[in-house]
Amino acid sequence: MSTTKEQDEHMRKFKNKGKDIAEIRRRKIEVRVELRKARKDEQILKRRNICFSAESSLSPEKDEKNMVCVGGSSSSSSSSVIRRNSDDLFLQLKATQAVRKMLSKQKNPPVSKVIESGIIPKLVEFLHYHDTPNLQFESAWALTNVASGTSEQTKAVIDANGIQGLVDLLSSPHIHICEQSVWALGNIAGDGPMCRDTLISFGVIPPILSLVMPSTPVGRKTITWTLSNLCRNKKPHPPLDAVKQVLPTLTCLLQHPDKDIISDTCWAMCYLTDGSNHRIQVVVEAGVLSRLVELLFTTELSILTPALRALGNVIAGTDEQTQMVIDAGILSVLPQLLLHPKASVQKEAAWALSNIAAGPCSQIQQLITCGLLPPLVELLDKGDYKAQKEGVWAVANFTMGGTVQQVVSMIRAGVMKPLLNLLSAKDSNTILVILESLSNFFRIAEKLGETEKLGLLVEELEGVEKIEALQTHENNIVYRAALTLIEKYFSGEEVEDKNPENEEKKSLPFADEQQDCFNF
């Protein structure tokens, strides 16, 4: 049976008991990364300003004609009119409006053809025509939709010095122009960390924040979404001074009644907490944890998902940061989230639980006291498989960091049956974590002198057959781990103590109170 260096390293982590606590601490960070990799982002990076009105929607025939004109050299084409240094602002406005309408098509807007026509620099120039606000607005709208495209298309706006023009429009006396500029800048920020940092270097944050004032009726949905994009991405993370600039406003926006604004604000919090412990602390000190926990009671998935993820990120920080989330009340809602009908919510909740279980005994005890064990057992039994994998880690962390009595409480809660059933999983890493948990359970039983009775429980739950079957597993590490368990606890070579006097002393502490869980 073949094995890889990576698998050997994984098994080494399980074998070196002295490193268990260090490993589960480190996993708090590693899993935060793993959870992010395979997940599609629920929040939209870029948004196109699509016009749905009959007046501004071109017919298919007109669309085709305009597309040809934009790419062609006809003097009557919109692009030709825009390129000419004409003093006829009315013609320039109509031509720009025609281009904007084409770029606002719902399907297949001709963004590349517009760029190839060479009119982007002229559209940027129109942003500075302060005496012609309609032309400014149409140009900003057209550039918004160009920037909503690919990175190369966004770059065309940046290369034409569009950022400065758009930033200047944030102070326009015309509210609709301000909002359109915010939208365009949001699309540029959504392109990635380099574009985001370029915007920040242009001083975009203060004028955007000034638009959130109650006296300024600019669309807050667009502003909040743009702010969330300015918080997005982590290679590199946004500058800390920029983060500190936006946090007070984001904290206020968390209290807004509009669900879209709350959702985008929660996404911003999610991005800002997805980093080092120092970055997490900056968010924690803004005083947002209690509000994020409140939002976990919502039925709106668009809010629940980022709020839970943001709190999960904080829990994955230091033990002190984890405790602050606990103090904010997350344990009162976590049981219902573990059993949420949405699989992704189950997974995030189980991940948060596993990281709390990776903390000190005092935090593990809070999990027990707040009734987290029964829903965890139910998740392991009936939950979504991806959530079950996180639940398995919660059990492992529990058995590695908990006290004897805390681990006994987990057995009393009935965790053994669903845990053993998950040995049939296809994922080798999950199987290894379960085998390590079983080893930890037996380690506790040894301390109590109850190894034999725990072995009987595993046997009655048909766990021995499942472990034995793993001795033919294609993964060599799984095979070796299963073999070790069988040889140590189920080989039949143990010396049995038949002394009735000693037999009476063998009361299984974790079977006394809930005998029915063990079928003895």
Protein backbone atom coordinates (compact mmCIF):
# COMPACT_ATOMS: atom_id res chain seq x y z
CA MET A 1 0.00 0.00 0.00
CA SER A 2 1.38 3.36 -1.02
CA THR A 3 1.57 6.40 1.20
CA THR A 4 2.48 10.02 0.61
CA LYS A 5 4.65 12.34 2.59
CA GLU A 6 1.59 14.48 3.30
CA GLN A 7 -0.31 11.49 4.70
CA ASP A 8 2.63 10.52 6.90
CA GLU A 9 2.74 14.05 8.25
CA HIS A 10 -0.99 13.90 8.95
CA MET A 11 -0.63 10.65 10.87
CA ARG A 12 2.35 12.00 12.78
CA LYS A 13 0.09 14.72 14.12
CA PHE A 14 -2.27 12.12 15.48
CA LYS A 15 0.43 9.94 17.01
CA ASN A 16 2.36 12.60 18.90
CA LYS A 17 0.06 13.09 21.84
CA GLY A 18 2.16 15.89 23.26
CA LYS A 19 1.32 17.96 20.22
CA ASP A 20 -2.45 17.43 20.26
CA ILE A 21 -3.34 20.76 21.83
CA ALA A 22 -0.89 22.66 19.64
CA GLU A 23 -2.31 20.96 16.56
CA ILE A 24 -5.91 21.78 17.34
CA ARG A 25 -4.93 25.40 17.98
CA ARG A 26 -3.13 25.51 14.63
CA ARG A 27 -6.09 23.91 12.90
CA LYS A 28 -8.22 26.87 13.92
CA ILE A 29 -6.28 28.84 11.34
CA GLU A 30 -5.81 26.08 8.76
CA VAL A 31 -9.47 25.17 8.51
CA ARG A 32 -10.44 28.81 8.13
CA VAL A 33 -8.41 28.70 4.93
CA GLU A 34 -9.76 25.32 3.82
CA LEU A 35 -13.37 26.40 4.26
CA ARG A 36 -12.73 29.39 2.05
CA LYS A 37 -11.07 27.48 -0.80
CA ALA A 38 -13.87 25.22 -1.98
CA ARG A 39 -16.68 27.69 -1.46
CA LYS A 40 -18.14 29.92 -4.11
CA ASP A 41 -18.53 33.44 -2.82
CA GLU A 42 -22.16 34.24 -2.13
CA GLN A 43 -21.61 37.98 -2.41
CA ILE A 44 -21.45 39.53 -5.86
CA LEU A 45 -18.07 41.01 -6.75
CA LYS A 46 -19.31 43.34 -9.48
CA ARG A 47 -22.69 44.67 -10.54
CA ARG A 48 -23.79 46.05 -13.87
CA ASN A 49 -26.29 48.91 -13.99
CA ILE A 50 -28.92 47.38 -16.26
CA CYS A 51 -31.70 49.55 -17.58
CA PHE A 52 -35.09 47.83 -17.73
CA SER A 53 -37.30 50.69 -18.95
CA ALA A 54 -38.87 50.51 -22.38
CA GLU A 55 -37.50 53.91 -23.29
CA SER A 56 -33.90 53.01 -22.72
CA SER A 57 -33.94 49.44 -24.01
CA LEU A 58 -32.94 49.18 -27.61
CA SER A 59 -34.75 46.75 -29.89
CA PRO A 60 -32.75 43.75 -31.20
CA GLU A 61 -32.52 45.40 -34.61
CA LYS A 62 -31.23 48.68 -33.15
CA ASP A 63 -28.86 46.76 -30.88
CA GLU A 64 -27.28 45.06 -33.85
CA LYS A 65 -26.91 48.31 -35.77
CA ASN A 66 -25.30 50.08 -32.82
CA MET A 67 -22.92 47.22 -32.19
CA VAL A 68 -21.76 47.43 -35.78
CA CYS A 69 -21.37 51.18 -35.54
CA VAL A 70 -19.32 51.02 -32.37
CA GLY A 71 -16.86 48.69 -33.97
CA GLY A 72 -16.87 50.40 -37.34
CA SER A 73 -15.58 53.67 -38.75
CA SER A 74 -18.81 55.30 -39.84
CA SER A 75 -18.87 59.03 -39.09
CA SER A 76 -22.44 58.58 -37.87
CA SER A 77 -21.52 55.97 -35.27
CA SER A 78 -21.75 56.83 -31.58
CA SER A 79 -18.09 56.08 -31.06
CA SER A 80 -17.04 58.40 -33.86
CA VAL A 81 -19.14 61.22 -32.46
CA ILE A 82 -17.59 60.72 -29.02
CA ARG A 83 -14.04 60.53 -30.38
CA ARG A 84 -14.36 63.79 -32.28
CA ASN A 85 -13.42 66.87 -30.33
CA SER A 86 -16.84 68.28 -31.06
CA ASP A 87 -18.15 71.37 -29.32
CA ASP A 88 -21.67 70.06 -29.82
CA LEU A 89 -22.36 68.80 -26.32
CA PHE A 90 -25.85 67.74 -27.31
CA LEU A 91 -24.44 65.31 -29.89
CA GLN A 92 -21.83 64.11 -27.40
CA LEU A 93 -24.55 63.50 -24.82
CA LYS A 94 -26.73 61.56 -27.25
CA ALA A 95 -23.79 59.47 -28.45
CA THR A 96 -22.67 58.73 -24.89
CA GLN A 97 -26.22 57.83 -23.95
CA ALA A 98 -26.41 55.42 -26.90
CA VAL A 99 -23.19 53.71 -25.79
CA ARG A 100 -24.47 53.53 -22.22
CA LYS A 101 -27.68 51.87 -23.41
CA MET A 102 -25.74 49.23 -25.31
CA LEU A 103 -23.59 48.54 -22.26
CA SER A 104 -26.76 48.23 -20.18
CA LYS A 105 -28.11 45.33 -22.21
CA GLN A 106 -29.03 42.34 -20.08
CA LYS A 107 -27.29 39.87 -22.39
CA ASN A 108 -23.91 40.12 -24.10
CA PRO A 109 -23.15 43.83 -23.76
CA PRO A 110 -20.48 44.86 -26.30
CA VAL A 111 -17.92 45.91 -23.68
CA SER A 112 -14.89 44.77 -25.67
CA LYS A 113 -16.06 46.54 -28.82
CA VAL A 114 -16.59 49.75 -26.88
CA ILE A 115 -13.05 49.52 -25.49
CA GLU A 116 -11.60 48.71 -28.92
CA SER A 117 -13.34 51.75 -30.37
CA GLY A 118 -11.00 53.90 -28.25
CA ILE A 119 -13.66 55.99 -26.54
CA ILE A 120 -12.85 55.14 -22.90
CA PRO A 121 -10.42 58.10 -22.46
CA LYS A 122 -13.10 60.42 -23.85
CA LEU A 123 -15.72 59.04 -21.46
CA VAL A 124 -13.30 59.70 -18.62
CA GLU A 125 -12.78 63.24 -19.90
CA PHE A 126 -16.56 63.80 -19.81
CA LEU A 127 -16.49 63.09 -16.05
CA HIS A 128 -14.85 66.51 -15.63
CA TYR A 129 -17.56 68.40 -17.57
CA HIS A 130 -19.09 69.93 -14.46
CA ASP A 131 -21.30 72.27 -16.47
CA THR A 132 -22.94 69.30 -18.16
CA PRO A 133 -24.10 66.98 -15.36
CA ASN A 134 -26.16 64.82 -17.71
CA LEU A 135 -23.03 64.03 -19.71
CA GLN A 136 -21.13 63.30 -16.49
CA PHE A 137 -23.87 60.92 -15.39
CA GLU A 138 -24.09 59.04 -18.69
CA SER A 139 -20.30 58.71 -18.83
CA ALA A 140 -20.11 57.46 -15.25
CA TRP A 141 -22.86 54.94 -15.97
CA ALA A 142 -21.09 53.69 -19.11
CA LEU A 143 -17.78 53.38 -17.22
CA THR A 144 -19.57 51.53 -14.41
CA ASN A 145 -20.64 48.85 -16.85
CA VAL A 146 -17.23 48.65 -18.49
CA ALA A 147 -15.65 48.19 -15.05
CA SER A 148 -18.18 45.44 -14.26
CA GLY A 149 -16.51 43.20 -16.82
CA THR A 150 -13.28 41.25 -16.81
CA SER A 151 -10.09 42.40 -15.13
CA GLU A 152 -8.77 43.52 -18.50
CA GLN A 153 -11.90 45.58 -19.11
CA THR A 154 -11.69 47.13 -15.65
CA LYS A 155 -8.04 47.94 -16.37
CA ALA A 156 -9.14 49.96 -19.41
CA VAL A 157 -10.99 52.35 -17.11
CA ILE A 158 -8.05 52.58 -14.70
CA ASP A 159 -5.50 53.12 -17.49
CA ALA A 160 -7.59 56.00 -18.83
CA ASN A 161 -7.21 57.72 -15.43
CA GLY A 162 -10.84 57.01 -14.63
CA ILE A 163 -10.32 56.63 -10.89
CA GLN A 164 -9.53 60.28 -10.23
CA GLY A 165 -12.51 61.45 -12.25
CA LEU A 166 -14.85 59.11 -10.41
CA VAL A 167 -13.45 60.08 -7.01
CA ASP A 168 -13.95 63.77 -7.87
CA LEU A 169 -17.60 63.06 -8.68
CA LEU A 170 -18.18 61.84 -5.11
CA SER A 171 -18.43 65.52 -4.15
CA SER A 172 -20.85 66.38 -6.97
CA PRO A 173 -23.88 68.42 -5.90
CA HIS A 174 -26.03 65.98 -7.90
CA ILE A 175 -26.95 62.96 -5.82
CA HIS A 176 -27.53 60.60 -8.75
CA ILE A 177 -24.04 61.35 -10.07
CA CYS A 178 -22.49 60.67 -6.65
CA GLU A 179 -24.26 57.33 -6.46
CA GLN A 180 -23.26 56.31 -9.97
CA SER A 181 -19.65 57.15 -9.17
CA VAL A 182 -19.81 55.05 -5.99
CA TRP A 183 -21.14 52.16 -8.07
CA ALA A 184 -18.31 52.43 -10.61
CA LEU A 185 -15.71 52.57 -7.84
CA GLY A 186 -17.32 49.52 -6.22
CA ASN A 187 -16.84 47.57 -9.44
CA ILE A 188 -13.19 48.60 -9.61
CA ALA A 189 -12.64 47.62 -5.97
CA GLY A 190 -14.29 44.27 -6.63
CA ASP A 191 -11.69 43.38 -9.24
CA GLY A 192 -9.07 42.43 -6.67
CA PRO A 193 -6.61 43.62 -4.03
CA MET A 194 -4.46 45.68 -6.40
CA CYS A 195 -7.41 47.69 -7.67
CA ARG A 196 -8.74 48.02 -4.14
CA ASP A 197 -5.45 49.40 -2.85
CA THR A 198 -5.17 51.74 -5.83
CA LEU A 199 -8.56 53.21 -4.93
CA ILE A 200 -7.52 53.58 -1.29
CA SER A 201 -4.34 55.38 -2.36
CA PHE A 202 -6.53 57.83 -4.31
CA GLY A 203 -8.25 58.72 -1.03
CA VAL A 204 -11.59 57.17 -1.93
CA ILE A 205 -12.67 56.25 1.62
CA PRO A 206 -13.30 59.67 3.27
CA PRO A 207 -15.60 61.03 0.52
CA ILE A 208 -17.54 57.74 0.40
CA LEU A 209 -17.98 57.77 4.18
CA SER A 210 -19.20 61.37 4.02
CA LEU A 211 -22.06 60.18 1.81
CA VAL A 212 -23.41 57.98 4.60
CA MET A 213 -24.40 61.04 6.64
CA PRO A 214 -28.15 61.31 7.36
CA SER A 215 -28.20 64.64 5.54
CA THR A 216 -27.00 62.97 2.33
CA PRO A 217 -29.74 60.92 0.65
CA VAL A 218 -27.38 58.89 -1.53
CA GLY A 219 -28.33 55.25 -1.99
CA ARG A 220 -26.85 53.48 1.02
CA LYS A 221 -27.16 50.06 -0.55
CA THR A 222 -24.61 50.99 -3.21
CA ILE A 223 -22.35 52.68 -0.67
CA THR A 224 -22.42 49.69 1.68
CA TRP A 225 -21.69 47.25 -1.12
CA THR A 226 -18.75 49.40 -2.27
CA LEU A 227 -17.40 49.59 1.28
CA SER A 228 -17.61 45.80 1.53
CA ASN A 229 -15.56 45.49 -1.66
CA LEU A 230 -12.98 47.85 -0.17
CA CYS A 231 -12.70 45.41 2.75
CA ARG A 232 -12.45 42.39 0.49
CA ASN A 233 -9.49 40.17 -0.44
CA LYS A 234 -6.53 39.17 1.67
CA LYS A 235 -3.53 38.74 -0.60
CA PRO A 236 -2.74 41.28 0.67
CA HIS A 237 -5.31 42.38 3.22
CA PRO A 238 -6.53 45.98 3.02
CA PRO A 239 -4.29 48.44 4.91
CA LEU A 240 -5.09 48.53 8.62
CA ASP A 241 -5.47 52.30 8.67
CA ALA A 242 -8.13 51.96 5.96
CA VAL A 243 -9.88 49.27 8.00
CA LYS A 244 -9.94 51.54 11.04
CA GLN A 245 -11.39 54.31 8.88
CA VAL A 246 -14.38 52.28 7.71
CA LEU A 247 -15.17 50.28 10.87
CA PRO A 248 -17.16 52.98 12.74
CA THR A 249 -19.42 53.45 9.73
CA LEU A 250 -19.82 49.71 9.20
CA THR A 251 -20.70 49.31 12.88
CA CYS A 252 -23.52 51.84 12.43
CA LEU A 253 -24.71 50.19 9.21
CA LEU A 254 -25.13 46.89 11.06
CA GLN A 255 -28.09 48.56 12.79
CA HIS A 256 -29.76 49.63 9.53
CA PRO A 257 -33.27 48.20 8.93
CA ASP A 258 -32.63 47.31 5.28
CA LYS A 259 -31.68 43.64 4.86
CA ASP A 260 -29.44 44.23 1.83
CA ILE A 261 -27.44 46.84 3.70
CA ILE A 262 -27.09 44.53 6.71
CA SER A 263 -26.04 41.66 4.43
CA ASP A 264 -23.28 43.63 2.71
CA THR A 265 -22.11 45.00 6.06
CA CYS A 266 -21.90 41.47 7.44
CA TRP A 267 -19.85 40.46 4.41
CA ALA A 268 -17.49 43.34 5.15
CA MET A 269 -17.14 42.06 8.73
CA CYS A 270 -16.53 38.60 7.37
CA TYR A 271 -13.67 39.83 5.16
CA LEU A 272 -12.13 41.93 7.93
CA THR A 273 -12.09 39.02 10.41
CA ASP A 274 -10.55 36.60 7.92
CA GLY A 275 -6.98 37.38 8.88
CA SER A 276 -4.48 37.53 11.72
CA ASN A 277 -5.50 37.68 15.36
CA HIS A 278 -4.45 41.33 15.40
CA ARG A 279 -6.85 42.12 12.56
CA ILE A 280 -9.58 40.18 14.31
CA GLN A 281 -8.98 42.22 17.46
CA VAL A 282 -9.46 45.49 15.57
CA VAL A 283 -12.95 44.32 14.58
CA VAL A 284 -13.73 42.96 18.05
CA GLU A 285 -12.84 46.31 19.61
CA ALA A 286 -15.36 48.01 17.33
CA GLY A 287 -18.05 46.38 19.47
CA VAL A 288 -19.87 44.42 16.76
CA LEU A 289 -20.01 40.93 18.31
CA SER A 290 -23.33 41.27 20.14
CA ARG A 291 -25.04 42.61 17.03
CA LEU A 292 -23.61 39.82 14.87
CA VAL A 293 -24.93 37.25 17.35
CA GLU A 294 -28.37 38.93 17.25
CA LEU A 295 -28.36 38.53 13.49
CA LEU A 296 -27.92 34.75 13.81
CA PHE A 297 -31.59 34.56 14.79
CA THR A 298 -32.69 35.87 11.39
CA THR A 299 -34.40 33.75 8.76
CA GLU A 300 -32.64 35.70 6.00
CA LEU A 301 -29.83 33.52 4.67
CA SER A 302 -28.23 36.54 3.00
CA ILE A 303 -27.61 37.91 6.50
CA LEU A 304 -27.18 34.69 8.48
CA THR A 305 -24.42 33.29 6.25
CA PRO A 306 -21.93 36.19 6.51
CA ALA A 307 -22.78 36.93 10.16
CA LEU A 308 -22.09 33.34 11.17
CA ARG A 309 -18.93 33.23 9.10
CA ALA A 310 -17.63 36.45 10.64
CA LEU A 311 -18.22 35.09 14.14
CA GLY A 312 -16.60 31.81 13.13
CA ASN A 313 -13.53 33.74 12.05
CA VAL A 314 -13.33 35.45 15.44
CA ILE A 315 -13.79 32.12 17.24
CA ALA A 316 -10.84 30.82 15.21
CA GLY A 317 -8.66 33.50 16.80
CA THR A 318 -7.22 33.48 20.30
CA ASP A 319 -8.94 31.85 23.27
CA GLU A 320 -9.74 35.34 24.56
CA GLN A 321 -11.40 36.29 21.28
CA THR A 322 -13.34 33.02 21.32
CA GLN A 323 -14.54 33.81 24.83
CA MET A 324 -15.77 37.22 23.72
CA VAL A 325 -18.00 35.56 21.12
CA ILE A 326 -19.26 33.16 23.80
CA ASP A 327 -19.93 36.10 26.12
CA ALA A 328 -21.87 37.77 23.30
CA GLY A 329 -24.31 34.85 23.44
CA ILE A 330 -23.52 32.60 20.48
CA LEU A 331 -24.08 29.40 22.48
CA SER A 332 -27.77 30.26 22.82
CA VAL A 333 -28.30 30.05 19.06
CA LEU A 334 -25.63 27.56 17.97
CA PRO A 335 -27.76 24.45 18.77
CA GLN A 336 -30.45 25.43 16.28
CA LEU A 337 -27.86 26.39 13.66
CA LEU A 338 -26.28 22.93 13.89
CA LEU A 339 -29.64 21.52 12.79
CA HIS A 340 -30.46 24.26 10.27
CA PRO A 341 -32.17 23.06 7.05
CA LYS A 342 -29.44 24.75 4.99
CA ALA A 343 -26.38 22.49 4.75
CA SER A 344 -23.93 25.39 4.49
CA VAL A 345 -25.22 26.83 7.77
CA GLN A 346 -24.81 23.46 9.47
CA LYS A 347 -21.21 23.33 8.28
CA GLU A 348 -20.33 26.85 9.45
CA ALA A 349 -21.97 26.21 12.82
CA ALA A 350 -20.13 22.91 13.24
CA TRP A 351 -16.85 24.60 12.33
CA ALA A 352 -17.47 27.26 14.97
CA LEU A 353 -18.31 24.56 17.51
CA SER A 354 -15.15 22.60 16.68
CA ASN A 355 -13.03 25.68 17.31
CA ILE A 356 -14.69 26.40 20.64
CA ALA A 357 -13.99 22.77 21.53
CA ALA A 358 -10.35 23.45 20.66
CA GLY A 359 -10.18 25.94 23.51
CA PRO A 360 -9.51 25.51 27.22
CA CYS A 361 -11.57 23.22 29.47
CA SER A 362 -13.62 26.17 30.70
CA GLN A 363 -14.93 26.80 27.18
CA ILE A 364 -15.59 23.10 26.63
CA GLN A 365 -17.61 23.12 29.84
CA GLN A 366 -19.68 26.01 28.53
CA LEU A 367 -20.54 23.90 25.48
CA ILE A 368 -21.78 21.15 27.76
CA THR A 369 -23.68 23.49 30.08
CA CYS A 370 -25.43 25.22 27.18
CA GLY A 371 -26.66 21.92 25.76
CA LEU A 372 -24.50 21.67 22.65
CA LEU A 373 -23.84 17.92 22.90
CA PRO A 374 -27.32 16.60 21.90
CA PRO A 375 -27.51 18.68 18.68
CA LEU A 376 -23.91 17.72 17.88
CA VAL A 377 -24.84 14.04 18.20
CA GLU A 378 -27.89 14.61 15.98
CA LEU A 379 -25.73 16.39 13.42
CA LEU A 380 -23.31 13.45 13.35
CA ASP A 381 -26.27 11.13 12.90
CA LYS A 382 -28.44 12.97 10.37
CA GLY A 383 -26.66 16.12 9.23
CA ASP A 384 -25.15 17.07 5.90
CA TYR A 385 -21.93 15.15 5.27
CA LYS A 386 -19.73 18.24 5.01
CA ALA A 387 -21.14 19.45 8.31
CA GLN A 388 -20.61 15.99 9.80
CA LYS A 389 -16.92 16.23 8.91
CA GLU A 390 -16.67 19.42 10.97
CA GLY A 391 -18.66 17.71 13.72
CA VAL A 392 -16.11 14.90 13.76
CA TRP A 393 -13.41 17.49 14.37
CA ALA A 394 -15.48 18.89 17.24
CA VAL A 395 -15.47 15.44 18.84
CA ALA A 396 -11.73 15.08 18.28
CA ASN A 397 -11.00 18.46 19.82
CA PHE A 398 -13.28 17.61 22.72
CA THR A 399 -11.44 14.36 23.42
CA MET A 400 -8.01 15.96 23.07
CA GLY A 401 -8.58 19.01 25.25
CA GLY A 402 -11.40 18.05 27.60
CA THR A 403 -11.17 16.74 31.13
CA VAL A 404 -12.03 13.14 31.95
CA GLN A 405 -15.52 14.11 33.11
CA GLN A 406 -16.10 16.26 30.02
CA VAL A 407 -15.21 13.38 27.73
CA VAL A 408 -17.44 11.10 29.81
CA SER A 409 -20.27 13.61 29.24
CA MET A 410 -19.80 13.27 25.51
CA ILE A 411 -20.10 9.48 25.70
CA ARG A 412 -23.19 9.84 27.86
CA ALA A 413 -24.71 12.07 25.19
CA GLY A 414 -24.59 9.12 22.78
CA VAL A 415 -21.81 10.21 20.45
CA MET A 416 -20.32 6.74 19.92
CA LYS A 417 -22.98 5.33 17.60
CA PRO A 418 -23.01 8.09 14.93
CA LEU A 419 -19.24 8.45 15.23
CA LEU A 420 -18.71 4.75 14.51
CA ASN A 421 -21.20 4.88 11.64
CA LEU A 422 -19.11 7.60 10.00
CA LEU A 423 -16.19 5.16 9.72
CA SER A 424 -17.82 4.20 6.41
CA ALA A 425 -17.02 7.66 5.04
CA LYS A 426 -15.07 7.91 1.79
CA ASP A 427 -12.80 10.65 3.09
CA SER A 428 -9.62 9.20 4.61
CA ASN A 429 -8.89 12.27 6.72
CA THR A 430 -12.30 12.07 8.38
CA ILE A 431 -11.76 8.39 9.15
CA LEU A 432 -8.38 9.20 10.69
CA VAL A 433 -9.90 11.87 12.91
CA ILE A 434 -12.55 9.39 14.09
CA LEU A 435 -9.93 6.74 14.82
CA GLU A 436 -7.94 9.26 16.82
CA SER A 437 -11.07 10.21 18.76
CA LEU A 438 -11.71 6.54 19.53
CA SER A 439 -8.13 6.22 20.73
CA ASN A 440 -8.70 9.22 23.00
CA PHE A 441 -11.91 7.71 24.37
CA PHE A 442 -10.01 4.54 25.25
CA ARG A 443 -7.25 6.61 26.83
CA ILE A 444 -9.86 8.12 29.16
CA ALA A 445 -11.33 4.67 29.83
CA GLU A 446 -7.86 3.44 30.80
CA LYS A 447 -7.58 6.22 33.37
CA LEU A 448 -10.87 5.07 34.85
CA GLY A 449 -10.04 1.37 34.61
CA GLU A 450 -12.98 0.87 32.25
CA THR A 451 -11.28 -0.18 29.01
CA GLU A 452 -13.11 -3.50 28.81
CA LYS A 453 -16.56 -1.99 29.21
CA LEU A 454 -15.89 0.68 26.60
CA GLY A 455 -14.72 -2.10 24.30
CA LEU A 456 -18.01 -3.92 24.89
CA LEU A 457 -19.92 -0.77 24.02
CA VAL A 458 -18.02 -0.38 20.76
CA GLU A 459 -18.62 -4.05 19.98
CA GLU A 460 -22.36 -3.83 20.68
CA LEU A 461 -22.58 -0.83 18.35
CA GLU A 462 -20.94 -2.96 15.62
CA GLY A 463 -17.93 -0.70 15.75
CA VAL A 464 -15.40 -3.52 15.90
CA GLU A 465 -16.49 -4.82 12.49
CA LYS A 466 -16.22 -1.32 11.05
CA ILE A 467 -12.73 -0.84 12.46
CA GLU A 468 -11.64 -4.29 11.26
CA ALA A 469 -12.91 -3.50 7.77
CA LEU A 470 -10.54 -0.53 7.67
CA GLN A 471 -7.59 -2.93 7.79
CA THR A 472 -8.17 -3.44 4.08
CA HIS A 473 -8.49 0.28 3.39
CA GLU A 474 -6.53 1.58 0.40
CA ASN A 475 -5.01 4.32 2.52
CA ASN A 476 -2.03 2.90 4.40
CA ILE A 477 -2.34 5.37 7.27
CA VAL A 478 -5.98 4.40 7.84
CA TYR A 479 -4.97 0.75 7.76
CA ARG A 480 -2.23 1.26 10.35
CA ALA A 481 -4.42 3.34 12.66
CA ALA A 482 -7.22 0.76 12.54
CA LEU A 483 -4.75 -2.07 13.14
CA THR A 484 -3.33 -0.29 16.18
CA LEU A 485 -6.79 0.06 17.72
CA ILE A 486 -7.69 -3.57 17.04
CA GLU A 487 -4.43 -4.93 18.41
CA LYS A 488 -4.55 -2.76 21.52
CA TYR A 489 -8.18 -3.10 22.51
CA PHE A 490 -9.88 -5.87 20.53
CA SER A 491 -7.29 -8.61 19.95
CA GLY A 492 -8.74 -10.89 22.64
CA GLU A 493 -5.34 -11.14 24.28
CA GLU A 494 -6.19 -8.96 27.28
CA VAL A 495 -5.87 -10.70 30.63
CA GLU A 496 -9.39 -10.79 32.02
CA ASP A 497 -9.86 -10.30 35.72
CA LYS A 498 -12.41 -12.91 36.78
CA ASN A 499 -12.27 -11.97 40.44
CA PRO A 500 -15.92 -11.21 41.35
CA GLU A 501 -14.70 -8.79 43.97
CA ASN A 502 -12.90 -6.76 41.35
CA GLU A 503 -15.80 -7.18 38.93
CA GLU A 504 -18.06 -5.33 41.32
CA LYS A 505 -15.69 -2.38 41.29
CA LYS A 506 -16.01 -2.01 37.53
CA SER A 507 -18.87 0.43 37.33
CA LEU A 508 -18.68 2.31 34.06
CA PRO A 509 -19.04 5.97 35.07
CA PHE A 510 -20.20 7.01 31.64
CA ALA A 511 -22.85 4.27 31.56
CA ASP A 512 -24.39 4.72 34.99
CA GLU A 513 -26.60 7.71 34.29
CA GLN A 514 -27.68 6.84 30.75
CA GLN A 515 -27.58 3.10 30.55
CA ASP A 516 -29.85 3.04 27.52
CA CYS A 517 -27.18 4.81 25.44
CA PHE A 518 -24.93 1.80 25.75
CA ASN A 519 -27.38 -1.11 25.58
CA PHE A 520 -25.73 -2.98 28.43
